[in-house]
Amino acid sequence: MKTRRQLWLVLSLVVLAAAAATAPAQELWTARYPLCAGGQVTVANVQGFIRVEGWDRAEVEIVALKNAEEGLGRFPSVEVGVEHSEESVDIRTFYPADGAPAVQMDYL
């Protein structure tokens, strides 16, 4: 009886480890920048979607979600870059020169 429980525990751990290894990895990044009334926001993104909402604050909030099917460890250099002043906020996703097609950056 004890052997069956041990076998069941080992099999359960193997299944959980396999599920975790195949699950897409995600990384959340957030930031806020001041922006005057009438200021301009630009977003450049190669792969992923962009969602924009207006609000009554004199700032821009950026929420970016990096998704990778094969784990983020393989693509650490896919990053969000921001240049900002009071009049503008320019947001861009930077990919490595050799490409990272399995990575998607979504701006929420």
PDB file of N, CA and C in Angstrom:
ATOM      1  N   MET A   1       0.813  -1.195   0.000  1.00  0.00           N
ATOM      2  CA  MET A   1       0.000   0.000   0.000  1.00  0.00           C
ATOM      3  C   MET A   1       0.865   1.272   0.000  1.00  0.00           C
ATOM      4  N   LYS A   2       1.933   1.249   0.816  1.00  0.00           N
ATOM      5  CA  LYS A   2       2.811   2.405   0.892  1.00  0.00           C
ATOM      6  C   LYS A   2       3.518   2.639  -0.443  1.00  0.00           C
ATOM      7  N   THR A   3       3.876   1.564  -1.126  1.00  0.00           N
ATOM      8  CA  THR A   3       4.548   1.663  -2.420  1.00  0.00           C
ATOM      9  C   THR A   3       3.645   2.315  -3.460  1.00  0.00           C
ATOM     10  N   ARG A   4       2.377   1.991  -3.447  1.00  0.00           N
ATOM     11  CA  ARG A   4       1.432   2.621  -4.391  1.00  0.00           C
ATOM     12  C   ARG A   4       1.352   4.121  -4.155  1.00  0.00           C
ATOM     13  N   ARG A   5       1.299   4.537  -2.911  1.00  0.00           N
ATOM     14  CA  ARG A   5       1.244   5.979  -2.603  1.00  0.00           C
ATOM     15  C   ARG A   5       2.507   6.675  -3.082  1.00  0.00           C
ATOM     16  N   GLN A   6       3.643   6.047  -2.855  1.00  0.00           N
ATOM     17  CA  GLN A   6       4.899   6.636  -3.295  1.00  0.00           C
ATOM     18  C   GLN A   6       4.941   6.737  -4.821  1.00  0.00           C
ATOM     19  N   LEU A   7       4.504   5.698  -5.487  1.00  0.00           N
ATOM     20  CA  LEU A   7       4.457   5.714  -6.949  1.00  0.00           C
ATOM     21  C   LEU A   7       3.516   6.808  -7.441  1.00  0.00           C
ATOM     22  N   TRP A   8       2.349   6.916  -6.823  1.00  0.00           N
ATOM     23  CA  TRP A   8       1.372   7.946  -7.187  1.00  0.00           C
ATOM     24  C   TRP A   8       1.955   9.346  -6.985  1.00  0.00           C
ATOM     25  N   LEU A   9       2.671   9.553  -5.885  1.00  0.00           N
ATOM     26  CA  LEU A   9       3.289  10.845  -5.606  1.00  0.00           C
ATOM     27  C   LEU A   9       4.341  11.183  -6.653  1.00  0.00           C
ATOM     28  N   VAL A  10       5.183  10.223  -6.994  1.00  0.00           N
ATOM     29  CA  VAL A  10       6.223  10.445  -7.998  1.00  0.00           C
ATOM     30  C   VAL A  10       5.603  10.752  -9.358  1.00  0.00           C
ATOM     31  N   LEU A  11       4.605   9.996  -9.763  1.00  0.00           N
ATOM     32  CA  LEU A  11       3.944  10.244 -11.047  1.00  0.00           C
ATOM     33  C   LEU A  11       3.273  11.620 -11.067  1.00  0.00           C
ATOM     34  N   SER A  12       2.651  11.998  -9.977  1.00  0.00           N
ATOM     35  CA  SER A  12       2.013  13.320  -9.888  1.00  0.00           C
ATOM     36  C   SER A  12       3.034  14.429 -10.038  1.00  0.00           C
ATOM     37  N   LEU A  13       4.175  14.292  -9.394  1.00  0.00           N
ATOM     38  CA  LEU A  13       5.227  15.309  -9.497  1.00  0.00           C
ATOM     39  C   LEU A  13       5.780  15.404 -10.911  1.00  0.00           C
ATOM     40  N   VAL A  14       5.920  14.268 -11.574  1.00  0.00           N
ATOM     41  CA  VAL A  14       6.402  14.265 -12.959  1.00  0.00           C
ATOM     42  C   VAL A  14       5.410  14.977 -13.870  1.00  0.00           C
ATOM     43  N   VAL A  15       4.137  14.704 -13.708  1.00  0.00           N
ATOM     44  CA  VAL A  15       3.106  15.345 -14.532  1.00  0.00           C
ATOM     45  C   VAL A  15       3.082  16.846 -14.279  1.00  0.00           C
ATOM     46  N   LEU A  16       3.159  17.257 -13.026  1.00  0.00           N
ATOM     47  CA  LEU A  16       3.167  18.690 -12.701  1.00  0.00           C
ATOM     48  C   LEU A  16       4.395  19.380 -13.277  1.00  0.00           C
ATOM     49  N   ALA A  17       5.543  18.748 -13.192  1.00  0.00           N
ATOM     50  CA  ALA A  17       6.768  19.334 -13.747  1.00  0.00           C
ATOM     51  C   ALA A  17       6.672  19.472 -15.261  1.00  0.00           C
ATOM     52  N   ALA A  18       6.118  18.479 -15.923  1.00  0.00           N
ATOM     53  CA  ALA A  18       5.960  18.545 -17.380  1.00  0.00           C
ATOM     54  C   ALA A  18       4.993  19.650 -17.773  1.00  0.00           C
ATOM     55  N   ALA A  19       3.911  19.803 -17.037  1.00  0.00           N
ATOM     56  CA  ALA A  19       2.943  20.866 -17.327  1.00  0.00           C
ATOM     57  C   ALA A  19       3.571  22.235 -17.132  1.00  0.00           C
ATOM     58  N   ALA A  20       4.354  22.405 -16.096  1.00  0.00           N
ATOM     59  CA  ALA A  20       5.013  23.688 -15.841  1.00  0.00           C
ATOM     60  C   ALA A  20       6.038  23.998 -16.920  1.00  0.00           C
ATOM     61  N   ALA A  21       6.729  22.985 -17.414  1.00  0.00           N
ATOM     62  CA  ALA A  21       7.750  23.196 -18.439  1.00  0.00           C
ATOM     63  C   ALA A  21       7.144  23.591 -19.772  1.00  0.00           C
ATOM     64  N   THR A  22       5.932  23.139 -20.078  1.00  0.00           N
ATOM     65  CA  THR A  22       5.321  23.452 -21.367  1.00  0.00           C
ATOM     66  C   THR A  22       4.417  24.675 -21.306  1.00  0.00           C
ATOM     67  N   ALA A  23       4.129  25.185 -20.126  1.00  0.00           N
ATOM     68  CA  ALA A  23       3.269  26.360 -20.003  1.00  0.00           C
ATOM     69  C   ALA A  23       4.012  27.593 -20.497  1.00  0.00           C
ATOM     70  N   PRO A  24       3.320  28.505 -21.174  1.00  0.00           N
ATOM     71  CA  PRO A  24       3.981  29.719 -21.629  1.00  0.00           C
ATOM     72  C   PRO A  24       4.448  30.552 -20.438  1.00  0.00           C
ATOM     73  N   ALA A  25       5.623  31.142 -20.574  1.00  0.00           N
ATOM     74  CA  ALA A  25       6.169  32.002 -19.525  1.00  0.00           C
ATOM     75  C   ALA A  25       5.715  33.430 -19.769  1.00  0.00           C
ATOM     76  N   GLN A  26       5.509  34.158 -18.680  1.00  0.00           N
ATOM     77  CA  GLN A  26       5.069  35.549 -18.794  1.00  0.00           C
ATOM     78  C   GLN A  26       5.878  36.426 -17.839  1.00  0.00           C
ATOM     79  N   GLU A  27       6.044  37.685 -18.249  1.00  0.00           N
ATOM     80  CA  GLU A  27       6.729  38.656 -17.411  1.00  0.00           C
ATOM     81  C   GLU A  27       5.996  39.987 -17.540  1.00  0.00           C
ATOM     82  N   LEU A  28       5.610  40.570 -16.427  1.00  0.00           N
ATOM     83  CA  LEU A  28       4.862  41.829 -16.417  1.00  0.00           C
ATOM     84  C   LEU A  28       5.802  42.985 -16.124  1.00  0.00           C
ATOM     85  N   TRP A  29       5.645  44.088 -16.843  1.00  0.00           N
ATOM     86  CA  TRP A  29       6.446  45.295 -16.647  1.00  0.00           C
ATOM     87  C   TRP A  29       5.494  46.487 -16.614  1.00  0.00           C
ATOM     88  N   THR A  30       5.642  47.368 -15.635  1.00  0.00           N
ATOM     89  CA  THR A  30       4.796  48.563 -15.544  1.00  0.00           C
ATOM     90  C   THR A  30       5.649  49.785 -15.233  1.00  0.00           C
ATOM     91  N   ALA A  31       5.166  50.938 -15.659  1.00  0.00           N
ATOM     92  CA  ALA A  31       5.831  52.209 -15.376  1.00  0.00           C
ATOM     93  C   ALA A  31       4.847  53.345 -15.618  1.00  0.00           C
ATOM     94  N   ARG A  32       5.125  54.496 -14.997  1.00  0.00           N
ATOM     95  CA  ARG A  32       4.329  55.713 -15.221  1.00  0.00           C
ATOM     96  C   ARG A  32       5.267  56.869 -15.537  1.00  0.00           C
ATOM     97  N   TYR A  33       4.814  57.724 -16.464  1.00  0.00           N
ATOM     98  CA  TYR A  33       5.594  58.882 -16.875  1.00  0.00           C
ATOM     99  C   TYR A  33       4.673  60.095 -16.952  1.00  0.00           C
ATOM    100  N   PRO A  34       5.151  61.272 -16.535  1.00  0.00           N
ATOM    101  CA  PRO A  34       4.326  62.477 -16.641  1.00  0.00           C
ATOM    102  C   PRO A  34       4.136  62.869 -18.102  1.00  0.00           C
ATOM    103  N   LEU A  35       2.964  63.429 -18.396  1.00  0.00           N
ATOM    104  CA  LEU A  35       2.657  63.885 -19.752  1.00  0.00           C
ATOM    105  C   LEU A  35       1.693  65.057 -19.648  1.00  0.00           C
ATOM    106  N   CYS A  36       2.056  66.181 -20.268  1.00  0.00           N
ATOM    107  CA  CYS A  36       1.205  67.364 -20.199  1.00  0.00           C
ATOM    108  C   CYS A  36      -0.045  67.196 -21.065  1.00  0.00           C
ATOM    109  N   ALA A  37      -1.041  68.046 -20.808  1.00  0.00           N
ATOM    110  CA  ALA A  37      -2.262  68.037 -21.626  1.00  0.00           C
ATOM    111  C   ALA A  37      -1.870  68.321 -23.074  1.00  0.00           C
ATOM    112  N   GLY A  38      -2.416  67.547 -23.994  1.00  0.00           N
ATOM    113  CA  GLY A  38      -2.089  67.706 -25.413  1.00  0.00           C
ATOM    114  C   GLY A  38      -0.814  66.986 -25.804  1.00  0.00           C
ATOM    115  N   GLY A  39      -0.197  66.265 -24.880  1.00  0.00           N
ATOM    116  CA  GLY A  39       1.029  65.530 -25.172  1.00  0.00           C
ATOM    117  C   GLY A  39       0.767  64.369 -26.114  1.00  0.00           C
ATOM    118  N   GLN A  40       1.835  63.799 -26.633  1.00  0.00           N
ATOM    119  CA  GLN A  40       1.728  62.739 -27.642  1.00  0.00           C
ATOM    120  C   GLN A  40       2.337  61.444 -27.120  1.00  0.00           C
ATOM    121  N   VAL A  41       1.664  60.329 -27.397  1.00  0.00           N
ATOM    122  CA  VAL A  41       2.153  59.001 -27.051  1.00  0.00           C
ATOM    123  C   VAL A  41       2.282  58.193 -28.334  1.00  0.00           C
ATOM    124  N   THR A  42       3.439  57.545 -28.518  1.00  0.00           N
ATOM    125  CA  THR A  42       3.626  56.649 -29.657  1.00  0.00           C
ATOM    126  C   THR A  42       4.075  55.288 -29.132  1.00  0.00           C
ATOM    127  N   VAL A  43       3.617  54.234 -29.820  1.00  0.00           N
ATOM    128  CA  VAL A  43       3.985  52.872 -29.455  1.00  0.00           C
ATOM    129  C   VAL A  43       4.396  52.137 -30.718  1.00  0.00           C
ATOM    130  N   ALA A  44       5.581  51.526 -30.696  1.00  0.00           N
ATOM    131  CA  ALA A  44       6.062  50.701 -31.806  1.00  0.00           C
ATOM    132  C   ALA A  44       6.238  49.281 -31.282  1.00  0.00           C
ATOM    133  N   ASN A  45       5.506  48.360 -31.887  1.00  0.00           N
ATOM    134  CA  ASN A  45       5.519  46.979 -31.426  1.00  0.00           C
ATOM    135  C   ASN A  45       5.415  46.061 -32.633  1.00  0.00           C
ATOM    136  N   VAL A  46       6.293  45.075 -32.718  1.00  0.00           N
ATOM    137  CA  VAL A  46       6.330  44.172 -33.864  1.00  0.00           C
ATOM    138  C   VAL A  46       5.354  43.016 -33.713  1.00  0.00           C
ATOM    139  N   GLN A  47       5.325  42.429 -32.512  1.00  0.00           N
ATOM    140  CA  GLN A  47       4.519  41.232 -32.311  1.00  0.00           C
ATOM    141  C   GLN A  47       3.770  41.343 -30.995  1.00  0.00           C
ATOM    142  N   GLY A  48       2.446  41.405 -31.065  1.00  0.00           N
ATOM    143  CA  GLY A  48       1.612  41.560 -29.878  1.00  0.00           C
ATOM    144  C   GLY A  48       0.540  42.594 -30.151  1.00  0.00           C
ATOM    145  N   PHE A  49      -0.272  42.861 -29.159  1.00  0.00           N
ATOM    146  CA  PHE A  49      -1.330  43.842 -29.368  1.00  0.00           C
ATOM    147  C   PHE A  49      -1.122  45.044 -28.465  1.00  0.00           C
ATOM    148  N   ILE A  50      -1.811  46.132 -28.818  1.00  0.00           N
ATOM    149  CA  ILE A  50      -1.701  47.394 -28.097  1.00  0.00           C
ATOM    150  C   ILE A  50      -3.107  47.846 -27.731  1.00  0.00           C
ATOM    151  N   ARG A  51      -3.323  48.099 -26.477  1.00  0.00           N
ATOM    152  CA  ARG A  51      -4.621  48.605 -26.006  1.00  0.00           C
ATOM    153  C   ARG A  51      -4.375  49.964 -25.365  1.00  0.00           C
ATOM    154  N   VAL A  52      -5.146  50.960 -25.780  1.00  0.00           N
ATOM    155  CA  VAL A  52      -4.978  52.320 -25.282  1.00  0.00           C
ATOM    156  C   VAL A  52      -6.290  52.793 -24.671  1.00  0.00           C
ATOM    157  N   GLU A  53      -6.200  53.356 -23.488  1.00  0.00           N
ATOM    158  CA  GLU A  53      -7.359  53.946 -22.818  1.00  0.00           C
ATOM    159  C   GLU A  53      -6.990  55.351 -22.352  1.00  0.00           C
ATOM    160  N   GLY A  54      -7.934  56.255 -22.433  1.00  0.00           N
ATOM    161  CA  GLY A  54      -7.713  57.608 -21.935  1.00  0.00           C
ATOM    162  C   GLY A  54      -8.137  57.732 -20.479  1.00  0.00           C
ATOM    163  N   TRP A  55      -7.559  58.687 -19.789  1.00  0.00           N
ATOM    164  CA  TRP A  55      -7.968  58.991 -18.410  1.00  0.00           C
ATOM    165  C   TRP A  55      -7.678  60.439 -18.110  1.00  0.00           C
ATOM    166  N   ASP A  56      -8.046  60.921 -16.939  1.00  0.00           N
ATOM    167  CA  ASP A  56      -7.955  62.339 -16.619  1.00  0.00           C
ATOM    168  C   ASP A  56      -6.726  62.688 -15.782  1.00  0.00           C
ATOM    169  N   ARG A  57      -5.648  61.956 -15.922  1.00  0.00           N
ATOM    170  CA  ARG A  57      -4.420  62.222 -15.186  1.00  0.00           C
ATOM    171  C   ARG A  57      -3.355  62.767 -16.135  1.00  0.00           C
ATOM    172  N   ALA A  58      -2.438  63.538 -15.586  1.00  0.00           N
ATOM    173  CA  ALA A  58      -1.353  64.116 -16.380  1.00  0.00           C
ATOM    174  C   ALA A  58      -0.164  63.166 -16.407  1.00  0.00           C
ATOM    175  N   GLU A  59      -0.447  61.913 -16.731  1.00  0.00           N
ATOM    176  CA  GLU A  59       0.602  60.915 -16.808  1.00  0.00           C
ATOM    177  C   GLU A  59       0.167  59.761 -17.704  1.00  0.00           C
ATOM    178  N   VAL A  60       1.152  58.979 -18.123  1.00  0.00           N
ATOM    179  CA  VAL A  60       0.915  57.786 -18.938  1.00  0.00           C
ATOM    180  C   VAL A  60       1.322  56.580 -18.105  1.00  0.00           C
ATOM    181  N   GLU A  61       0.452  55.583 -18.044  1.00  0.00           N
ATOM    182  CA  GLU A  61       0.802  54.328 -17.387  1.00  0.00           C
ATOM    183  C   GLU A  61       1.000  53.276 -18.469  1.00  0.00           C
ATOM    184  N   ILE A  62       2.131  52.591 -18.403  1.00  0.00           N
ATOM    185  CA  ILE A  62       2.444  51.543 -19.364  1.00  0.00           C
ATOM    186  C   ILE A  62       2.410  50.205 -18.628  1.00  0.00           C
ATOM    187  N   VAL A  63       1.648  49.279 -19.174  1.00  0.00           N
ATOM    188  CA  VAL A  63       1.610  47.917 -18.652  1.00  0.00           C
ATOM    189  C   VAL A  63       1.923  47.008 -19.825  1.00  0.00           C
ATOM    190  N   ALA A  64       3.059  46.318 -19.749  1.00  0.00           N
ATOM    191  CA  ALA A  64       3.493  45.439 -20.829  1.00  0.00           C
ATOM    192  C   ALA A  64       3.619  44.020 -20.299  1.00  0.00           C
ATOM    193  N   LEU A  65       3.121  43.066 -21.090  1.00  0.00           N
ATOM    194  CA  LEU A  65       3.184  41.659 -20.719  1.00  0.00           C
ATOM    195  C   LEU A  65       3.962  40.910 -21.793  1.00  0.00           C
ATOM    196  N   LYS A  66       5.131  40.380 -21.406  1.00  0.00           N
ATOM    197  CA  LYS A  66       5.960  39.601 -22.325  1.00  0.00           C
ATOM    198  C   LYS A  66       5.545  38.142 -22.205  1.00  0.00           C
ATOM    199  N   ASN A  67       5.236  37.515 -23.337  1.00  0.00           N
ATOM    200  CA  ASN A  67       4.831  36.103 -23.388  1.00  0.00           C
ATOM    201  C   ASN A  67       5.808  35.336 -24.263  1.00  0.00           C
ATOM    202  N   ALA A  68       6.258  34.181 -23.771  1.00  0.00           N
ATOM    203  CA  ALA A  68       7.151  33.334 -24.557  1.00  0.00           C
ATOM    204  C   ALA A  68       6.703  31.888 -24.429  1.00  0.00           C
ATOM    205  N   GLU A  69       6.523  31.233 -25.551  1.00  0.00           N
ATOM    206  CA  GLU A  69       6.086  29.842 -25.548  1.00  0.00           C
ATOM    207  C   GLU A  69       7.143  28.909 -24.967  1.00  0.00           C
ATOM    208  N   GLU A  70       8.407  29.230 -25.186  1.00  0.00           N
ATOM    209  CA  GLU A  70       9.478  28.317 -24.783  1.00  0.00           C
ATOM    210  C   GLU A  70      10.219  28.776 -23.537  1.00  0.00           C
ATOM    211  N   GLY A  71       9.689  29.698 -22.781  1.00  0.00           N
ATOM    212  CA  GLY A  71      10.357  30.188 -21.579  1.00  0.00           C
ATOM    213  C   GLY A  71      11.106  31.475 -21.852  1.00  0.00           C
ATOM    214  N   LEU A  72      11.037  32.392 -20.918  1.00  0.00           N
ATOM    215  CA  LEU A  72      11.658  33.698 -21.107  1.00  0.00           C
ATOM    216  C   LEU A  72      13.176  33.656 -21.002  1.00  0.00           C
ATOM    217  N   GLY A  73      13.721  32.617 -20.399  1.00  0.00           N
ATOM    218  CA  GLY A  73      15.166  32.521 -20.256  1.00  0.00           C
ATOM    219  C   GLY A  73      15.899  32.544 -21.579  1.00  0.00           C
ATOM    220  N   ARG A  74      15.251  32.067 -22.622  1.00  0.00           N
ATOM    221  CA  ARG A  74      15.877  32.061 -23.951  1.00  0.00           C
ATOM    222  C   ARG A  74      15.852  33.435 -24.608  1.00  0.00           C
ATOM    223  N   PHE A  75      14.987  34.352 -24.146  1.00  0.00           N
ATOM    224  CA  PHE A  75      14.820  35.653 -24.795  1.00  0.00           C
ATOM    225  C   PHE A  75      14.860  36.802 -23.789  1.00  0.00           C
ATOM    226  N   PRO A  76      15.908  36.882 -22.950  1.00  0.00           N
ATOM    227  CA  PRO A  76      15.926  37.945 -21.939  1.00  0.00           C
ATOM    228  C   PRO A  76      16.115  39.330 -22.540  1.00  0.00           C
ATOM    229  N   SER A  77      16.604  39.412 -23.778  1.00  0.00           N
ATOM    230  CA  SER A  77      16.892  40.720 -24.356  1.00  0.00           C
ATOM    231  C   SER A  77      15.701  41.377 -25.052  1.00  0.00           C
ATOM    232  N   VAL A  78      14.535  40.752 -25.061  1.00  0.00           N
ATOM    233  CA  VAL A  78      13.332  41.410 -25.577  1.00  0.00           C
ATOM    234  C   VAL A  78      12.853  42.343 -24.467  1.00  0.00           C
ATOM    235  N   GLU A  79      12.902  43.653 -24.737  1.00  0.00           N
ATOM    236  CA  GLU A  79      12.645  44.638 -23.691  1.00  0.00           C
ATOM    237  C   GLU A  79      11.774  45.786 -24.173  1.00  0.00           C
ATOM    238  N   VAL A  80      11.200  46.487 -23.205  1.00  0.00           N
ATOM    239  CA  VAL A  80      10.463  47.715 -23.468  1.00  0.00           C
ATOM    240  C   VAL A  80      11.440  48.875 -23.312  1.00  0.00           C
ATOM    241  N   GLY A  81      11.446  49.768 -24.294  1.00  0.00           N
ATOM    242  CA  GLY A  81      12.261  50.974 -24.218  1.00  0.00           C
ATOM    243  C   GLY A  81      11.351  52.184 -24.216  1.00  0.00           C
ATOM    244  N   VAL A  82      11.669  53.183 -23.388  1.00  0.00           N
ATOM    245  CA  VAL A  82      10.828  54.379 -23.284  1.00  0.00           C
ATOM    246  C   VAL A  82      11.710  55.621 -23.329  1.00  0.00           C
ATOM    247  N   GLU A  83      11.342  56.541 -24.193  1.00  0.00           N
ATOM    248  CA  GLU A  83      11.930  57.882 -24.199  1.00  0.00           C
ATOM    249  C   GLU A  83      10.793  58.828 -23.842  1.00  0.00           C
ATOM    250  N   HIS A  84      11.048  59.752 -22.910  1.00  0.00           N
ATOM    251  CA  HIS A  84       9.942  60.597 -22.470  1.00  0.00           C
ATOM    252  C   HIS A  84      10.402  62.006 -22.129  1.00  0.00           C
ATOM    253  N   SER A  85       9.462  62.902 -22.294  1.00  0.00           N
ATOM    254  CA  SER A  85       9.584  64.286 -21.851  1.00  0.00           C
ATOM    255  C   SER A  85       8.188  64.684 -21.381  1.00  0.00           C
ATOM    256  N   GLU A  86       8.004  65.924 -20.970  1.00  0.00           N
ATOM    257  CA  GLU A  86       6.657  66.341 -20.556  1.00  0.00           C
ATOM    258  C   GLU A  86       5.689  66.385 -21.724  1.00  0.00           C
ATOM    259  N   GLU A  87       6.220  66.532 -22.954  1.00  0.00           N
ATOM    260  CA  GLU A  87       5.369  66.649 -24.134  1.00  0.00           C
ATOM    261  C   GLU A  87       5.142  65.337 -24.870  1.00  0.00           C
ATOM    262  N   SER A  88       5.981  64.322 -24.618  1.00  0.00           N
ATOM    263  CA  SER A  88       5.814  63.076 -25.370  1.00  0.00           C
ATOM    264  C   SER A  88       6.349  61.873 -24.593  1.00  0.00           C
ATOM    265  N   VAL A  89       5.750  60.731 -24.907  1.00  0.00           N
ATOM    266  CA  VAL A  89       6.218  59.441 -24.396  1.00  0.00           C
ATOM    267  C   VAL A  89       6.265  58.497 -25.597  1.00  0.00           C
ATOM    268  N   ASP A  90       7.467  58.006 -25.904  1.00  0.00           N
ATOM    269  CA  ASP A  90       7.669  57.092 -27.027  1.00  0.00           C
ATOM    270  C   ASP A  90       8.035  55.717 -26.472  1.00  0.00           C
ATOM    271  N   ILE A  91       7.219  54.718 -26.802  1.00  0.00           N
ATOM    272  CA  ILE A  91       7.381  53.363 -26.284  1.00  0.00           C
ATOM    273  C   ILE A  91       7.713  52.443 -27.449  1.00  0.00           C
ATOM    274  N   ARG A  92       8.702  51.588 -27.251  1.00  0.00           N
ATOM    275  CA  ARG A  92       9.129  50.694 -28.329  1.00  0.00           C
ATOM    276  C   ARG A  92       9.562  49.355 -27.738  1.00  0.00           C
ATOM    277  N   THR A  93       9.225  48.279 -28.446  1.00  0.00           N
ATOM    278  CA  THR A  93       9.691  46.953 -28.062  1.00  0.00           C
ATOM    279  C   THR A  93      10.979  46.676 -28.817  1.00  0.00           C
ATOM    280  N   PHE A  94      12.029  46.326 -28.076  1.00  0.00           N
ATOM    281  CA  PHE A  94      13.317  46.015 -28.681  1.00  0.00           C
ATOM    282  C   PHE A  94      13.519  44.504 -28.700  1.00  0.00           C
ATOM    283  N   TYR A  95      13.789  43.977 -29.907  1.00  0.00           N
ATOM    284  CA  TYR A  95      14.090  42.559 -30.091  1.00  0.00           C
ATOM    285  C   TYR A  95      15.572  42.424 -30.430  1.00  0.00           C
ATOM    286  N   PRO A  96      16.183  41.286 -30.107  1.00  0.00           N
ATOM    287  CA  PRO A  96      17.593  41.098 -30.472  1.00  0.00           C
ATOM    288  C   PRO A  96      17.753  41.037 -31.986  1.00  0.00           C
ATOM    289  N   ALA A  97      18.967  41.319 -32.448  1.00  0.00           N
ATOM    290  CA  ALA A  97      19.236  41.355 -33.890  1.00  0.00           C
ATOM    291  C   ALA A  97      18.957  40.015 -34.563  1.00  0.00           C
ATOM    292  N   ASP A  98      19.169  38.907 -33.849  1.00  0.00           N
ATOM    293  CA  ASP A  98      18.934  37.592 -34.458  1.00  0.00           C
ATOM    294  C   ASP A  98      17.471  37.172 -34.378  1.00  0.00           C
ATOM    295  N   GLY A  99      16.623  38.023 -33.812  1.00  0.00           N
ATOM    296  CA  GLY A  99      15.184  37.770 -33.762  1.00  0.00           C
ATOM    297  C   GLY A  99      14.773  36.902 -32.593  1.00  0.00           C
ATOM    298  N   ALA A 100      13.514  37.029 -32.233  1.00  0.00           N
ATOM    299  CA  ALA A 100      12.924  36.225 -31.156  1.00  0.00           C
ATOM    300  C   ALA A 100      11.457  36.013 -31.497  1.00  0.00           C
ATOM    301  N   PRO A 101      11.176  35.234 -32.534  1.00  0.00           N
ATOM    302  CA  PRO A 101       9.807  35.110 -33.022  1.00  0.00           C
ATOM    303  C   PRO A 101       8.837  34.473 -32.037  1.00  0.00           C
ATOM    304  N   ALA A 102       9.332  33.757 -31.039  1.00  0.00           N
ATOM    305  CA  ALA A 102       8.439  33.090 -30.103  1.00  0.00           C
ATOM    306  C   ALA A 102       8.022  33.998 -28.957  1.00  0.00           C
ATOM    307  N   VAL A 103       8.418  35.276 -28.994  1.00  0.00           N
ATOM    308  CA  VAL A 103       8.106  36.214 -27.921  1.00  0.00           C
ATOM    309  C   VAL A 103       7.089  37.230 -28.412  1.00  0.00           C
ATOM    310  N   GLN A 104       6.069  37.459 -27.616  1.00  0.00           N
ATOM    311  CA  GLN A 104       5.045  38.449 -27.933  1.00  0.00           C
ATOM    312  C   GLN A 104       4.992  39.456 -26.793  1.00  0.00           C
ATOM    313  N   MET A 105       4.995  40.756 -27.129  1.00  0.00           N
ATOM    314  CA  MET A 105       4.871  41.810 -26.126  1.00  0.00           C
ATOM    315  C   MET A 105       3.508  42.451 -26.300  1.00  0.00           C
ATOM    316  N   ASP A 106       2.662  42.331 -25.280  1.00  0.00           N
ATOM    317  CA  ASP A 106       1.333  42.930 -25.307  1.00  0.00           C
ATOM    318  C   ASP A 106       1.320  44.152 -24.403  1.00  0.00           C
ATOM    319  N   TYR A 107       0.812  45.272 -24.945  1.00  0.00           N
ATOM    320  CA  TYR A 107       0.664  46.491 -24.150  1.00  0.00           C
ATOM    321  C   TYR A 107      -0.787  46.593 -23.732  1.00  0.00           C
ATOM    322  N   LEU A 108      -1.014  46.479 -22.447  1.00  0.00           N
ATOM    323  CA  LEU A 108      -2.364  46.434 -21.906  1.00  0.00           C
ATOM    324  C   LEU A 108      -2.761  47.801 -21.497  1.00  0.00           C
TER     325      LEU A 108
END
